[in-house]
Amino acid sequence: MPASRSPSRGASVHTRAARPARSIWPWILIGVAAVFAVVVTALPASLIGHVLPPSVHAEDFSGSLWHGSAGTIRVNGRDAGAIEWHLHPAALLGLTLSADLRWVKVGFVVDGAVAVKRGGFSLQGLSGGGPIEDLRELGVAAGWRGHADVHFSLIQGDFARLSAAVGEITVSNLASTQVADGADLGGYDLRFPEGAVSADGGISSDLTDTGGPLAIQAHIRFSPADRIGLLSGTLGERTGVPPALASQLESLAQIRGRDRQGRIPVDLEFNF
């Protein structure tokens, strides 16, 4: 009967009205993200130059803001090679420049990830290496040669100085025209443990040999503000040391003496 069907229709209408409306915000966000990705892909790579610190200058750009390169990088006026990046666009929404990097200086190549904010930068997962003589314009003394491998889990700073550095640099087949007539001096490991960077910006590291004619155990303290380094430790010769190096070590021992293990104590200050 009609009277019995009317409540049923009313309940059905009430049920349909109670269903929540489907939110359109996820679709709006997806659309904004898609437009943002297209814009970042279309923008030229040269825009990166506007966010670099004053001490860094880049030119010879190619590619886009998303995936591009700068063929010439200068840091404090010195040629610092070239760089390629692959940007993470989502980080820009948080006012952070985040990218995967490849840095090349002649035959020296390092890969890693960088995040840059107004207050500073952080580098993570740095790994690579190459001939140290290719870094001469960045401070490696003339006449030195060898191969360096770089591995850092973290380097952090505020553009004026470092606040953290955790990792190591390993050098093999090290030689210099000024030491032992250019003989192979072996390999060395320079380690930067957690806490290596002090509050005043000083950097501490531990130096040990990895084999070769010299046995070295030393601690190095760098003062970037004064551009001075201090190496303190001991060194000694191993069997098979080249005659020219043995002669130089003996001359040093005449001045500094030897400890009970026959090692020569050294305290060397140098500029960099």
Protein backbone atom coordinates (compact mmCIF):
# COMPACT_ATOMS: atom_id res chain seq x y z
CA MET A 1 0.00 0.00 0.00
CA PRO A 2 1.19 3.60 -0.58
CA ALA A 3 1.38 4.34 3.10
CA SER A 4 3.80 1.47 3.67
CA ARG A 5 6.20 2.51 0.82
CA SER A 6 6.57 6.16 1.79
CA PRO A 7 8.85 5.69 4.86
CA SER A 8 11.14 3.45 2.82
CA ARG A 9 11.64 6.15 0.16
CA GLY A 10 12.29 8.74 2.85
CA ALA A 11 14.94 6.56 4.47
CA SER A 12 16.60 6.03 1.12
CA VAL A 13 16.74 9.75 0.40
CA HIS A 14 18.15 10.40 3.87
CA THR A 15 20.86 7.78 3.36
CA ARG A 16 22.01 9.31 0.08
CA ALA A 17 22.14 12.78 1.59
CA ALA A 18 24.33 11.54 4.48
CA ARG A 19 27.16 10.32 2.22
CA PRO A 20 30.19 12.65 2.55
CA ALA A 21 31.28 14.50 -0.55
CA ARG A 22 34.54 13.19 -2.06
CA SER A 23 37.43 15.65 -1.40
CA ILE A 24 38.97 17.28 -4.47
CA TRP A 25 42.11 18.53 -2.63
CA PRO A 26 44.28 15.50 -3.52
CA TRP A 27 43.53 16.13 -7.20
CA ILE A 28 44.34 19.82 -6.81
CA LEU A 29 47.68 19.00 -5.18
CA ILE A 30 48.53 16.50 -7.91
CA GLY A 31 47.74 19.13 -10.52
CA VAL A 32 49.90 21.75 -8.80
CA ALA A 33 52.78 19.28 -8.52
CA ALA A 34 52.48 18.40 -12.22
CA VAL A 35 52.52 22.06 -13.27
CA PHE A 36 55.46 22.70 -10.94
CA ALA A 37 57.42 19.79 -12.45
CA VAL A 38 56.79 21.07 -15.98
CA VAL A 39 57.91 24.58 -15.03
CA VAL A 40 61.11 23.33 -13.37
CA THR A 41 61.88 21.20 -16.43
CA ALA A 42 61.43 24.18 -18.75
CA LEU A 43 63.45 26.73 -16.76
CA PRO A 44 67.08 27.23 -17.88
CA ALA A 45 69.99 25.85 -15.85
CA SER A 46 71.47 29.34 -15.50
CA LEU A 47 68.93 30.15 -12.76
CA ILE A 48 71.11 28.09 -10.40
CA GLY A 49 73.62 30.95 -10.51
CA HIS A 50 71.20 33.20 -8.60
CA VAL A 51 71.23 31.01 -5.46
CA LEU A 52 74.98 30.45 -5.18
CA PRO A 53 76.94 32.13 -2.34
CA PRO A 54 79.04 35.20 -3.23
CA SER A 55 82.30 33.24 -3.17
CA VAL A 56 81.07 30.85 -5.89
CA HIS A 57 80.67 31.84 -9.54
CA ALA A 58 79.34 29.58 -12.30
CA GLU A 59 79.05 29.93 -16.08
CA ASP A 60 78.84 27.90 -19.32
CA PHE A 61 75.43 26.50 -18.34
CA SER A 62 73.54 23.87 -20.30
CA GLY A 63 70.36 21.88 -19.77
CA SER A 64 67.48 22.82 -17.50
CA LEU A 65 67.01 23.74 -13.88
CA TRP A 66 65.91 20.14 -13.28
CA HIS A 67 68.87 18.42 -14.96
CA GLY A 68 71.72 20.65 -16.07
CA SER A 69 75.38 21.47 -15.80
CA ALA A 70 77.82 24.35 -15.39
CA GLY A 71 81.01 23.91 -17.39
CA THR A 72 83.00 26.40 -15.29
CA ILE A 73 82.91 26.84 -11.51
CA ARG A 74 85.10 29.33 -9.66
CA VAL A 75 85.49 29.43 -5.89
CA ASN A 76 87.15 32.58 -4.57
CA GLY A 77 88.43 33.19 -8.08
CA ARG A 78 90.02 29.74 -8.50
CA ASP A 79 89.05 27.29 -11.21
CA ALA A 80 87.06 24.58 -9.42
CA GLY A 81 86.15 22.46 -12.44
CA ALA A 82 82.65 21.66 -13.69
CA ILE A 83 79.47 20.32 -12.14
CA GLU A 84 76.37 18.41 -13.24
CA TRP A 85 73.20 18.16 -11.16
CA HIS A 86 69.86 16.40 -11.06
CA LEU A 87 67.46 18.49 -9.00
CA HIS A 88 64.80 17.19 -6.59
CA PRO A 89 61.93 19.63 -7.36
CA ALA A 90 59.82 18.73 -4.32
CA ALA A 91 62.50 20.17 -2.02
CA LEU A 92 62.00 23.61 -3.56
CA LEU A 93 58.56 23.76 -1.94
CA GLY A 94 60.41 23.85 1.39
CA LEU A 95 62.82 26.56 0.14
CA THR A 96 65.65 24.02 -0.07
CA LEU A 97 67.82 23.38 -3.10
CA SER A 98 68.42 19.62 -3.15
CA ALA A 99 70.18 17.70 -5.90
CA ASP A 100 72.40 14.79 -6.87
CA LEU A 101 75.76 16.09 -8.06
CA ARG A 102 78.74 15.06 -10.13
CA TRP A 103 81.83 17.26 -9.80
CA VAL A 104 84.67 16.98 -12.33
CA LYS A 105 88.10 18.61 -12.21
CA VAL A 106 90.04 17.23 -15.18
CA GLY A 107 90.35 13.52 -14.19
CA PHE A 108 89.12 13.93 -10.61
CA VAL A 109 85.44 12.95 -10.27
CA VAL A 110 83.23 12.97 -7.16
CA ASP A 111 79.51 12.08 -6.85
CA GLY A 112 77.22 12.99 -3.97
CA ALA A 113 74.06 14.76 -2.82
CA VAL A 114 73.72 18.38 -1.74
CA ALA A 115 71.07 20.37 0.13
CA VAL A 116 71.35 24.16 0.23
CA LYS A 117 69.29 26.49 2.43
CA ARG A 118 69.65 30.15 3.26
CA GLY A 119 71.51 29.26 6.47
CA GLY A 120 74.00 26.80 4.98
CA PHE A 121 74.58 23.58 3.09
CA SER A 122 75.12 19.87 3.62
CA LEU A 123 76.83 17.30 1.40
CA GLN A 124 76.12 13.60 1.87
CA GLY A 125 77.42 10.39 0.38
CA LEU A 126 80.42 11.94 -1.33
CA SER A 127 82.45 9.30 -3.16
CA GLY A 128 85.03 9.39 -5.93
CA GLY A 129 88.63 10.32 -6.64
CA GLY A 130 91.35 10.83 -9.19
CA PRO A 131 94.89 12.18 -9.69
CA ILE A 132 95.82 14.68 -6.98
CA GLU A 133 97.86 16.73 -9.46
CA ASP A 134 94.54 17.70 -11.12
CA LEU A 135 93.70 19.63 -7.92
CA ARG A 136 96.73 21.91 -8.10
CA GLU A 137 94.61 25.03 -8.64
CA LEU A 138 92.69 24.17 -5.47
CA GLY A 139 95.77 24.07 -3.24
CA VAL A 140 97.75 20.88 -3.94
CA ALA A 141 101.42 21.89 -4.03
CA ALA A 142 103.28 21.73 -7.33
CA GLY A 143 105.40 18.62 -7.82
CA TRP A 144 103.16 16.26 -5.83
CA ARG A 145 101.43 13.37 -7.59
CA GLY A 146 99.42 10.29 -6.68
CA HIS A 147 95.84 9.03 -6.62
CA ALA A 148 93.26 10.03 -4.01
CA ASP A 149 89.97 8.33 -3.09
CA VAL A 150 87.40 10.44 -1.23
CA HIS A 151 84.57 9.08 0.92
CA PHE A 152 82.53 11.39 3.17
CA SER A 153 79.19 10.56 4.74
CA LEU A 154 78.66 14.22 5.72
CA ILE A 155 80.13 17.67 5.13
CA GLN A 156 78.16 20.57 6.55
CA GLY A 157 78.68 24.32 6.86
CA ASP A 158 77.26 27.83 6.64
CA PHE A 159 79.29 29.11 3.62
CA ALA A 160 81.73 30.89 5.96
CA ARG A 161 83.13 27.75 7.62
CA LEU A 162 82.48 24.06 8.14
CA SER A 163 80.46 22.77 11.08
CA ALA A 164 80.83 19.01 10.43
CA ALA A 165 82.97 16.64 8.38
CA VAL A 166 82.83 12.84 8.66
CA GLY A 167 84.80 10.66 6.26
CA GLU A 168 88.25 9.86 4.93
CA ILE A 169 90.70 10.57 2.13
CA THR A 170 93.01 7.75 1.02
CA VAL A 171 96.07 8.51 -1.12
CA SER A 172 98.11 5.91 -2.97
CA ASN A 173 101.41 6.06 -4.91
CA LEU A 174 102.21 9.42 -3.37
CA ALA A 175 105.36 11.10 -4.65
CA SER A 176 106.98 14.51 -4.87
CA THR A 177 109.85 15.87 -6.92
CA GLN A 178 111.14 17.48 -3.71
CA VAL A 179 111.21 14.30 -1.60
CA ALA A 180 113.58 11.33 -2.13
CA ASP A 181 114.21 12.23 -5.77
CA GLY A 182 110.56 11.56 -6.62
CA ALA A 183 110.46 8.00 -5.20
CA ASP A 184 107.11 6.35 -4.41
CA LEU A 185 106.26 7.23 -0.81
CA GLY A 186 103.45 4.70 -0.47
CA GLY A 187 99.86 5.23 0.65
CA TYR A 188 98.17 7.17 3.47
CA ASP A 189 94.78 7.45 5.08
CA LEU A 190 93.47 10.77 6.43
CA ARG A 191 90.40 10.24 8.64
CA PHE A 192 87.86 12.78 9.88
CA PRO A 193 85.83 11.19 12.70
CA GLU A 194 82.61 12.54 14.18
CA GLY A 195 83.39 15.72 16.09
CA ALA A 196 86.36 16.49 13.83
CA VAL A 197 85.14 20.08 13.41
CA SER A 198 85.28 22.18 16.58
CA ALA A 199 83.11 25.14 17.51
CA ASP A 200 85.75 27.60 16.29
CA GLY A 201 85.88 25.95 12.85
CA GLY A 202 89.14 24.07 13.43
CA ILE A 203 89.36 20.65 11.79
CA SER A 204 91.13 17.64 13.33
CA SER A 205 92.13 14.48 11.49
CA ASP A 206 94.23 11.35 11.99
CA LEU A 207 96.93 10.37 9.50
CA THR A 208 98.26 6.82 9.16
CA ASP A 209 100.14 5.01 6.41
CA THR A 210 98.65 2.14 4.42
CA GLY A 211 101.98 0.61 3.49
CA GLY A 212 105.15 1.74 1.78
CA PRO A 213 108.59 2.94 2.84
CA LEU A 214 107.32 5.23 5.62
CA ALA A 215 105.50 4.28 8.82
CA ILE A 216 103.49 7.30 9.98
CA GLN A 217 101.12 7.94 12.86
CA ALA A 218 100.13 11.58 13.22
CA HIS A 219 97.39 14.02 14.14
CA ILE A 220 96.68 17.02 11.94
CA ARG A 221 94.92 20.16 13.07
CA PHE A 222 93.71 22.60 10.40
CA SER A 223 92.80 26.22 11.12
CA PRO A 224 90.89 27.48 8.06
CA ALA A 225 90.67 31.00 9.48
CA ASP A 226 94.48 31.27 9.65
CA ARG A 227 95.14 28.90 6.72
CA ILE A 228 97.59 27.01 8.92
CA GLY A 229 97.94 23.30 9.59
CA LEU A 230 99.92 21.55 12.33
CA LEU A 231 101.06 17.93 11.99
CA SER A 232 102.22 16.17 15.16
CA GLY A 233 103.29 12.55 15.36
CA THR A 234 106.04 10.09 14.52
CA LEU A 235 107.52 8.57 11.39
CA GLY A 236 110.01 5.85 10.65
CA GLU A 237 111.49 3.95 7.74
CA ARG A 238 110.64 0.41 6.69
CA THR A 239 112.80 -2.22 5.05
CA GLY A 240 113.50 -1.36 1.45
CA VAL A 241 113.26 2.40 1.90
CA PRO A 242 114.80 4.22 -1.14
CA PRO A 243 118.37 5.42 -0.41
CA ALA A 244 117.49 9.10 -1.05
CA LEU A 245 114.60 8.91 1.44
CA ALA A 246 116.72 7.05 3.99
CA SER A 247 119.31 9.83 3.78
CA GLN A 248 116.70 12.54 4.35
CA LEU A 249 115.24 10.67 7.31
CA GLU A 250 118.67 10.24 8.88
CA SER A 251 119.30 13.98 8.53
CA LEU A 252 115.97 14.64 10.26
CA ALA A 253 116.82 12.15 13.02
CA GLN A 254 120.06 14.03 13.69
CA ILE A 255 117.96 17.10 14.49
CA ARG A 256 114.90 15.58 16.20
CA GLY A 257 116.32 12.35 17.63
CA ARG A 258 114.48 9.03 17.87
CA ASP A 259 112.19 7.49 20.46
CA ARG A 260 112.67 4.01 22.00
CA GLN A 261 111.02 2.37 18.99
CA GLY A 262 113.37 4.17 16.61
CA ARG A 263 110.70 6.53 15.35
CA ILE A 264 111.34 10.20 14.68
CA PRO A 265 109.00 12.69 16.39
CA VAL A 266 107.73 15.43 14.05
CA ASP A 267 105.91 18.71 14.56
CA LEU A 268 105.38 20.42 11.25
CA GLU A 269 103.49 23.66 10.61
CA PHE A 270 102.39 24.40 7.06
CA ASN A 271 100.24 26.89 5.16
CA PHE A 272 97.43 25.97 2.81
